[in-house]
Structure formats: structure tokens, C-alpha cells
Amino acid sequence: MKVQNIKDIDKFFKVIDECKGKVELVTGEGDRLNLKSKLSQYVSMANIFSDGTISELEILAYEPEDITRLVNFMMES
């Protein structure tokens, strides 16, 4: 799923942390980074945004409840 225009990075990661299953960031090269890992969060975000917002990410969530949680976050943002 593609997520766009994330302005509240802290809230985004809080939603990721609440997910029960694996949540991965898909890089432009097709690599998958575990977004539930704090190290991966810091490394990936340092490379993706510089002005405090994230314009677009491709993420994979494997549990239906996690997908719903992420969709709800995007609708509320």
C-alpha cells in the first residue's frame, strides 16, 4: 500500500508500533526494511525526508487488522 503526505511522523511510528504483525518499508530498489525496528525507522526516515514530511512511501502490512489501522491513520491525517 502506498501512504502519502505523512505530516506527523511520531504518530505514524506510534501506529506502526501498535501493529501486531510485520510492517515493512519497500525501498525504490525493492528491498524491504522492517519498520517495527527502531534502527530501521531512524535510518529509513533520515534518507526519505528532510523537511519534516513524508510525501510517499510504499509499505507492506501482513495482518488485516494492521492494514485497517494504517488505513484509518491515513484517513485521519
PDB file of N, CA and C in Angstrom:
ATOM      1  N   MET A   1       0.837  -1.163   0.000  1.00  0.00           N
ATOM      2  CA  MET A   1       0.000   0.000   0.000  1.00  0.00           C
ATOM      3  C   MET A   1       0.884   1.228   0.000  1.00  0.00           C
ATOM      4  N   LYS A   2       0.465   2.240  -0.693  1.00  0.00           N
ATOM      5  CA  LYS A   2       1.203   3.498  -0.712  1.00  0.00           C
ATOM      6  C   LYS A   2       0.551   4.434   0.289  1.00  0.00           C
ATOM      7  N   VAL A   3       1.383   5.053   1.099  1.00  0.00           N
ATOM      8  CA  VAL A   3       0.902   6.065   2.028  1.00  0.00           C
ATOM      9  C   VAL A   3       1.522   7.389   1.609  1.00  0.00           C
ATOM     10  N   GLN A   4       0.739   8.452   1.755  1.00  0.00           N
ATOM     11  CA  GLN A   4       1.183   9.749   1.243  1.00  0.00           C
ATOM     12  C   GLN A   4       0.960  10.851   2.262  1.00  0.00           C
ATOM     13  N   ASN A   5       1.779  11.891   2.134  1.00  0.00           N
ATOM     14  CA  ASN A   5       1.645  13.130   2.894  1.00  0.00           C
ATOM     15  C   ASN A   5       1.563  12.907   4.395  1.00  0.00           C
ATOM     16  N   ILE A   6       2.510  12.180   4.932  1.00  0.00           N
ATOM     17  CA  ILE A   6       2.566  11.965   6.375  1.00  0.00           C
ATOM     18  C   ILE A   6       3.217  13.194   6.991  1.00  0.00           C
ATOM     19  N   LYS A   7       2.462  13.911   7.799  1.00  0.00           N
ATOM     20  CA  LYS A   7       2.973  15.126   8.416  1.00  0.00           C
ATOM     21  C   LYS A   7       3.383  14.898   9.865  1.00  0.00           C
ATOM     22  N   ASP A   8       2.718  13.979  10.546  1.00  0.00           N
ATOM     23  CA  ASP A   8       3.023  13.691  11.948  1.00  0.00           C
ATOM     24  C   ASP A   8       3.799  12.373  12.007  1.00  0.00           C
ATOM     25  N   ILE A   9       5.113  12.483  11.916  1.00  0.00           N
ATOM     26  CA  ILE A   9       5.990  11.315  11.870  1.00  0.00           C
ATOM     27  C   ILE A   9       5.879  10.500  13.156  1.00  0.00           C
ATOM     28  N   ASP A  10       5.830  11.191  14.297  1.00  0.00           N
ATOM     29  CA  ASP A  10       5.736  10.486  15.574  1.00  0.00           C
ATOM     30  C   ASP A  10       4.462   9.652  15.659  1.00  0.00           C
ATOM     31  N   LYS A  11       3.355  10.220  15.228  1.00  0.00           N
ATOM     32  CA  LYS A  11       2.085   9.486  15.255  1.00  0.00           C
ATOM     33  C   LYS A  11       2.133   8.299  14.283  1.00  0.00           C
ATOM     34  N   PHE A  12       2.756   8.484  13.129  1.00  0.00           N
ATOM     35  CA  PHE A  12       2.895   7.400  12.158  1.00  0.00           C
ATOM     36  C   PHE A  12       3.644   6.225  12.778  1.00  0.00           C
ATOM     37  N   PHE A  13       4.762   6.506  13.454  1.00  0.00           N
ATOM     38  CA  PHE A  13       5.523   5.425  14.065  1.00  0.00           C
ATOM     39  C   PHE A  13       4.802   4.817  15.261  1.00  0.00           C
ATOM     40  N   LYS A  14       3.988   5.602  15.947  1.00  0.00           N
ATOM     41  CA  LYS A  14       3.184   5.044  17.038  1.00  0.00           C
ATOM     42  C   LYS A  14       2.193   4.024  16.479  1.00  0.00           C
ATOM     43  N   VAL A  15       1.576   4.351  15.341  1.00  0.00           N
ATOM     44  CA  VAL A  15       0.655   3.419  14.690  1.00  0.00           C
ATOM     45  C   VAL A  15       1.411   2.166  14.251  1.00  0.00           C
ATOM     46  N   ILE A  16       2.596   2.326  13.689  1.00  0.00           N
ATOM     47  CA  ILE A  16       3.425   1.181  13.285  1.00  0.00           C
ATOM     48  C   ILE A  16       3.728   0.305  14.502  1.00  0.00           C
ATOM     49  N   ASP A  17       4.101   0.931  15.621  1.00  0.00           N
ATOM     50  CA  ASP A  17       4.440   0.175  16.833  1.00  0.00           C
ATOM     51  C   ASP A  17       3.245  -0.600  17.383  1.00  0.00           C
ATOM     52  N   GLU A  18       2.029  -0.098  17.150  1.00  0.00           N
ATOM     53  CA  GLU A  18       0.824  -0.768  17.632  1.00  0.00           C
ATOM     54  C   GLU A  18       0.426  -1.959  16.767  1.00  0.00           C
ATOM     55  N   CYS A  19       1.006  -2.069  15.595  1.00  0.00           N
ATOM     56  CA  CYS A  19       0.671  -3.179  14.705  1.00  0.00           C
ATOM     57  C   CYS A  19       1.125  -4.496  15.309  1.00  0.00           C
ATOM     58  N   LYS A  20       0.335  -5.539  15.118  1.00  0.00           N
ATOM     59  CA  LYS A  20       0.620  -6.856  15.685  1.00  0.00           C
ATOM     60  C   LYS A  20       1.609  -7.651  14.831  1.00  0.00           C
ATOM     61  N   GLY A  21       1.509  -7.504  13.523  1.00  0.00           N
ATOM     62  CA  GLY A  21       2.349  -8.266  12.611  1.00  0.00           C
ATOM     63  C   GLY A  21       3.485  -7.442  12.055  1.00  0.00           C
ATOM     64  N   LYS A  22       4.115  -7.998  11.055  1.00  0.00           N
ATOM     65  CA  LYS A  22       5.262  -7.366  10.404  1.00  0.00           C
ATOM     66  C   LYS A  22       4.774  -6.229   9.494  1.00  0.00           C
ATOM     67  N   VAL A  23       5.485  -5.104   9.546  1.00  0.00           N
ATOM     68  CA  VAL A  23       5.226  -3.963   8.666  1.00  0.00           C
ATOM     69  C   VAL A  23       6.557  -3.605   8.034  1.00  0.00           C
ATOM     70  N   GLU A  24       6.585  -3.566   6.711  1.00  0.00           N
ATOM     71  CA  GLU A  24       7.837  -3.327   6.003  1.00  0.00           C
ATOM     72  C   GLU A  24       7.746  -2.114   5.088  1.00  0.00           C
ATOM     73  N   LEU A  25       8.846  -1.409   4.979  1.00  0.00           N
ATOM     74  CA  LEU A  25       9.011  -0.329   4.014  1.00  0.00           C
ATOM     75  C   LEU A  25       9.671  -0.930   2.784  1.00  0.00           C
ATOM     76  N   VAL A  26       9.094  -0.690   1.612  1.00  0.00           N
ATOM     77  CA  VAL A  26       9.682  -1.166   0.359  1.00  0.00           C
ATOM     78  C   VAL A  26      10.474  -0.008  -0.243  1.00  0.00           C
ATOM     79  N   THR A  27      11.769  -0.208  -0.414  1.00  0.00           N
ATOM     80  CA  THR A  27      12.616   0.839  -0.975  1.00  0.00           C
ATOM     81  C   THR A  27      12.457   0.895  -2.491  1.00  0.00           C
ATOM     82  N   GLY A  28      12.997   1.938  -3.089  1.00  0.00           N
ATOM     83  CA  GLY A  28      12.963   2.070  -4.540  1.00  0.00           C
ATOM     84  C   GLY A  28      13.669   0.936  -5.264  1.00  0.00           C
ATOM     85  N   GLU A  29      14.618   0.297  -4.589  1.00  0.00           N
ATOM     86  CA  GLU A  29      15.353  -0.823  -5.172  1.00  0.00           C
ATOM     87  C   GLU A  29      14.653  -2.154  -4.932  1.00  0.00           C
ATOM     88  N   GLY A  30      13.532  -2.137  -4.198  1.00  0.00           N
ATOM     89  CA  GLY A  30      12.796  -3.364  -3.926  1.00  0.00           C
ATOM     90  C   GLY A  30      13.179  -4.052  -2.623  1.00  0.00           C
ATOM     91  N   ASP A  31      14.113  -3.456  -1.887  1.00  0.00           N
ATOM     92  CA  ASP A  31      14.475  -4.016  -0.580  1.00  0.00           C
ATOM     93  C   ASP A  31      13.338  -3.765   0.405  1.00  0.00           C
ATOM     94  N   ARG A  32      13.248  -4.621   1.412  1.00  0.00           N
ATOM     95  CA  ARG A  32      12.216  -4.472   2.436  1.00  0.00           C
ATOM     96  C   ARG A  32      12.865  -4.270   3.791  1.00  0.00           C
ATOM     97  N   LEU A  33      12.479  -3.182   4.454  1.00  0.00           N
ATOM     98  CA  LEU A  33      13.007  -2.863   5.773  1.00  0.00           C
ATOM     99  C   LEU A  33      11.902  -3.019   6.807  1.00  0.00           C
ATOM    100  N   ASN A  34      12.218  -3.677   7.912  1.00  0.00           N
ATOM    101  CA  ASN A  34      11.260  -3.882   8.989  1.00  0.00           C
ATOM    102  C   ASN A  34      11.018  -2.556   9.715  1.00  0.00           C
ATOM    103  N   LEU A  35       9.826  -1.984   9.559  1.00  0.00           N
ATOM    104  CA  LEU A  35       9.542  -0.693  10.184  1.00  0.00           C
ATOM    105  C   LEU A  35       9.268  -0.808  11.676  1.00  0.00           C
ATOM    106  N   LYS A  36       9.135  -2.010  12.197  1.00  0.00           N
ATOM    107  CA  LYS A  36       8.948  -2.151  13.637  1.00  0.00           C
ATOM    108  C   LYS A  36      10.281  -2.083  14.374  1.00  0.00           C
ATOM    109  N   SER A  37      11.379  -2.124  13.641  1.00  0.00           N
ATOM    110  CA  SER A  37      12.710  -1.964  14.217  1.00  0.00           C
ATOM    111  C   SER A  37      13.018  -0.470  14.331  1.00  0.00           C
ATOM    112  N   LYS A  38      13.374  -0.033  15.530  1.00  0.00           N
ATOM    113  CA  LYS A  38      13.692   1.392  15.732  1.00  0.00           C
ATOM    114  C   LYS A  38      14.879   1.817  14.875  1.00  0.00           C
ATOM    115  N   LEU A  39      15.870   0.959  14.740  1.00  0.00           N
ATOM    116  CA  LEU A  39      17.019   1.296  13.910  1.00  0.00           C
ATOM    117  C   LEU A  39      16.589   1.512  12.467  1.00  0.00           C
ATOM    118  N   SER A  40      15.748   0.625  11.941  1.00  0.00           N
ATOM    119  CA  SER A  40      15.255   0.780  10.570  1.00  0.00           C
ATOM    120  C   SER A  40      14.436   2.053  10.424  1.00  0.00           C
ATOM    121  N   GLN A  41      13.659   2.383  11.452  1.00  0.00           N
ATOM    122  CA  GLN A  41      12.856   3.609  11.398  1.00  0.00           C
ATOM    123  C   GLN A  41      13.760   4.825  11.257  1.00  0.00           C
ATOM    124  N   TYR A  42      14.793   4.908  12.089  1.00  0.00           N
ATOM    125  CA  TYR A  42      15.676   6.071  12.047  1.00  0.00           C
ATOM    126  C   TYR A  42      16.462   6.152  10.741  1.00  0.00           C
ATOM    127  N   VAL A  43      16.988   5.034  10.311  1.00  0.00           N
ATOM    128  CA  VAL A  43      17.788   5.024   9.092  1.00  0.00           C
ATOM    129  C   VAL A  43      16.935   5.364   7.875  1.00  0.00           C
ATOM    130  N   SER A  44      15.784   4.713   7.761  1.00  0.00           N
ATOM    131  CA  SER A  44      14.941   4.938   6.582  1.00  0.00           C
ATOM    132  C   SER A  44      14.387   6.348   6.548  1.00  0.00           C
ATOM    133  N   MET A  45      13.977   6.870   7.677  1.00  0.00           N
ATOM    134  CA  MET A  45      13.390   8.207   7.689  1.00  0.00           C
ATOM    135  C   MET A  45      14.431   9.281   7.455  1.00  0.00           C
ATOM    136  N   ALA A  46      15.650   9.069   7.917  1.00  0.00           N
ATOM    137  CA  ALA A  46      16.709  10.050   7.670  1.00  0.00           C
ATOM    138  C   ALA A  46      16.966  10.198   6.178  1.00  0.00           C
ATOM    139  N   ASN A  47      16.802   9.110   5.436  1.00  0.00           N
ATOM    140  CA  ASN A  47      17.044   9.145   3.999  1.00  0.00           C
ATOM    141  C   ASN A  47      15.834   9.605   3.200  1.00  0.00           C
ATOM    142  N   ILE A  48      14.642   9.511   3.763  1.00  0.00           N
ATOM    143  CA  ILE A  48      13.430   9.773   2.986  1.00  0.00           C
ATOM    144  C   ILE A  48      12.966  11.221   3.066  1.00  0.00           C
ATOM    145  N   PHE A  49      13.045  11.832   4.242  1.00  0.00           N
ATOM    146  CA  PHE A  49      12.510  13.188   4.325  1.00  0.00           C
ATOM    147  C   PHE A  49      13.517  14.148   4.926  1.00  0.00           C
ATOM    148  N   SER A  50      13.420  15.388   4.495  1.00  0.00           N
ATOM    149  CA  SER A  50      14.308  16.404   5.034  1.00  0.00           C
ATOM    150  C   SER A  50      13.543  17.628   5.521  1.00  0.00           C
ATOM    151  N   ASP A  51      12.280  17.770   5.112  1.00  0.00           N
ATOM    152  CA  ASP A  51      11.514  18.963   5.503  1.00  0.00           C
ATOM    153  C   ASP A  51      10.440  18.668   6.549  1.00  0.00           C
ATOM    154  N   GLY A  52      10.475  17.491   7.177  1.00  0.00           N
ATOM    155  CA  GLY A  52       9.527  17.169   8.228  1.00  0.00           C
ATOM    156  C   GLY A  52       8.275  16.457   7.769  1.00  0.00           C
ATOM    157  N   THR A  53       8.147  16.195   6.467  1.00  0.00           N
ATOM    158  CA  THR A  53       7.001  15.433   5.964  1.00  0.00           C
ATOM    159  C   THR A  53       7.503  14.308   5.075  1.00  0.00           C
ATOM    160  N   ILE A  54       6.662  13.307   4.917  1.00  0.00           N
ATOM    161  CA  ILE A  54       6.968  12.203   4.020  1.00  0.00           C
ATOM    162  C   ILE A  54       5.939  12.260   2.908  1.00  0.00           C
ATOM    163  N   SER A  55       6.395  12.486   1.677  1.00  0.00           N
ATOM    164  CA  SER A  55       5.449  12.639   0.568  1.00  0.00           C
ATOM    165  C   SER A  55       4.822  11.316   0.167  1.00  0.00           C
ATOM    166  N   GLU A  56       5.619  10.241   0.072  1.00  0.00           N
ATOM    167  CA  GLU A  56       5.054   8.956  -0.328  1.00  0.00           C
ATOM    168  C   GLU A  56       5.965   7.814   0.091  1.00  0.00           C
ATOM    169  N   LEU A  57       5.351   6.754   0.610  1.00  0.00           N
ATOM    170  CA  LEU A  57       6.052   5.529   0.989  1.00  0.00           C
ATOM    171  C   LEU A  57       5.255   4.340   0.498  1.00  0.00           C
ATOM    172  N   GLU A  58       5.937   3.264   0.201  1.00  0.00           N
ATOM    173  CA  GLU A  58       5.252   2.012  -0.044  1.00  0.00           C
ATOM    174  C   GLU A  58       5.546   1.106   1.136  1.00  0.00           C
ATOM    175  N   ILE A  59       4.469   0.677   1.811  1.00  0.00           N
ATOM    176  CA  ILE A  59       4.645  -0.212   2.954  1.00  0.00           C
ATOM    177  C   ILE A  59       3.790  -1.456   2.771  1.00  0.00           C
ATOM    178  N   LEU A  60       4.235  -2.525   3.407  1.00  0.00           N
ATOM    179  CA  LEU A  60       3.504  -3.787   3.391  1.00  0.00           C
ATOM    180  C   LEU A  60       3.143  -4.148   4.819  1.00  0.00           C
ATOM    181  N   ALA A  61       1.882  -4.467   5.042  1.00  0.00           N
ATOM    182  CA  ALA A  61       1.430  -4.989   6.327  1.00  0.00           C
ATOM    183  C   ALA A  61       0.764  -6.323   6.027  1.00  0.00           C
ATOM    184  N   TYR A  62       0.999  -7.288   6.889  1.00  0.00           N
ATOM    185  CA  TYR A  62       0.553  -8.650   6.604  1.00  0.00           C
ATOM    186  C   TYR A  62      -0.711  -9.059   7.345  1.00  0.00           C
ATOM    187  N   GLU A  63      -1.036  -8.374   8.424  1.00  0.00           N
ATOM    188  CA  GLU A  63      -2.220  -8.709   9.212  1.00  0.00           C
ATOM    189  C   GLU A  63      -3.367  -7.778   8.823  1.00  0.00           C
ATOM    190  N   PRO A  64      -4.560  -8.335   8.585  1.00  0.00           N
ATOM    191  CA  PRO A  64      -5.707  -7.488   8.197  1.00  0.00           C
ATOM    192  C   PRO A  64      -5.977  -6.356   9.183  1.00  0.00           C
ATOM    193  N   GLU A  65      -5.846  -6.609  10.480  1.00  0.00           N
ATOM    194  CA  GLU A  65      -6.102  -5.562  11.473  1.00  0.00           C
ATOM    195  C   GLU A  65      -5.057  -4.453  11.379  1.00  0.00           C
ATOM    196  N   ASP A  66      -3.839  -4.794  10.990  1.00  0.00           N
ATOM    197  CA  ASP A  66      -2.797  -3.783  10.820  1.00  0.00           C
ATOM    198  C   ASP A  66      -3.072  -2.923   9.592  1.00  0.00           C
ATOM    199  N   ILE A  67      -3.543  -3.541   8.534  1.00  0.00           N
ATOM    200  CA  ILE A  67      -3.907  -2.787   7.327  1.00  0.00           C
ATOM    201  C   ILE A  67      -5.005  -1.794   7.664  1.00  0.00           C
ATOM    202  N   THR A  68      -6.012  -2.246   8.400  1.00  0.00           N
ATOM    203  CA  THR A  68      -7.111  -1.367   8.818  1.00  0.00           C
ATOM    204  C   THR A  68      -6.580  -0.219   9.667  1.00  0.00           C
ATOM    205  N   ARG A  69      -5.676  -0.523  10.595  1.00  0.00           N
ATOM    206  CA  ARG A  69      -5.092   0.501  11.467  1.00  0.00           C
ATOM    207  C   ARG A  69      -4.350   1.554  10.630  1.00  0.00           C
ATOM    208  N   LEU A  70      -3.584   1.125   9.654  1.00  0.00           N
ATOM    209  CA  LEU A  70      -2.839   2.061   8.809  1.00  0.00           C
ATOM    210  C   LEU A  70      -3.758   2.885   7.918  1.00  0.00           C
ATOM    211  N   VAL A  71      -4.779   2.252   7.368  1.00  0.00           N
ATOM    212  CA  VAL A  71      -5.749   2.983   6.532  1.00  0.00           C
ATOM    213  C   VAL A  71      -6.457   4.040   7.378  1.00  0.00           C
ATOM    214  N   ASN A  72      -6.851   3.686   8.585  1.00  0.00           N
ATOM    215  CA  ASN A  72      -7.506   4.651   9.471  1.00  0.00           C
ATOM    216  C   ASN A  72      -6.591   5.824   9.775  1.00  0.00           C
ATOM    217  N   PHE A  73      -5.310   5.547  10.011  1.00  0.00           N
ATOM    218  CA  PHE A  73      -4.354   6.622  10.245  1.00  0.00           C
ATOM    219  C   PHE A  73      -4.296   7.579   9.056  1.00  0.00           C
ATOM    220  N   MET A  74      -4.234   7.008   7.854  1.00  0.00           N
ATOM    221  CA  MET A  74      -4.136   7.850   6.661  1.00  0.00           C
ATOM    222  C   MET A  74      -5.409   8.668   6.450  1.00  0.00           C
ATOM    223  N   MET A  75      -6.550   8.107   6.773  1.00  0.00           N
ATOM    224  CA  MET A  75      -7.813   8.841   6.604  1.00  0.00           C
ATOM    225  C   MET A  75      -7.938   9.971   7.618  1.00  0.00           C
ATOM    226  N   GLU A  76      -7.351   9.796   8.806  1.00  0.00           N
ATOM    227  CA  GLU A  76      -7.416  10.814   9.842  1.00  0.00           C
ATOM    228  C   GLU A  76      -6.394  11.928   9.628  1.00  0.00           C
ATOM    229  N   SER A  77      -5.344  11.643   8.872  1.00  0.00           N
ATOM    230  CA  SER A  77      -4.264  12.626   8.677  1.00  0.00           C
ATOM    231  C   SER A  77      -4.667  13.714   7.728  1.00  0.00           C
TER     232      SER A  77
END
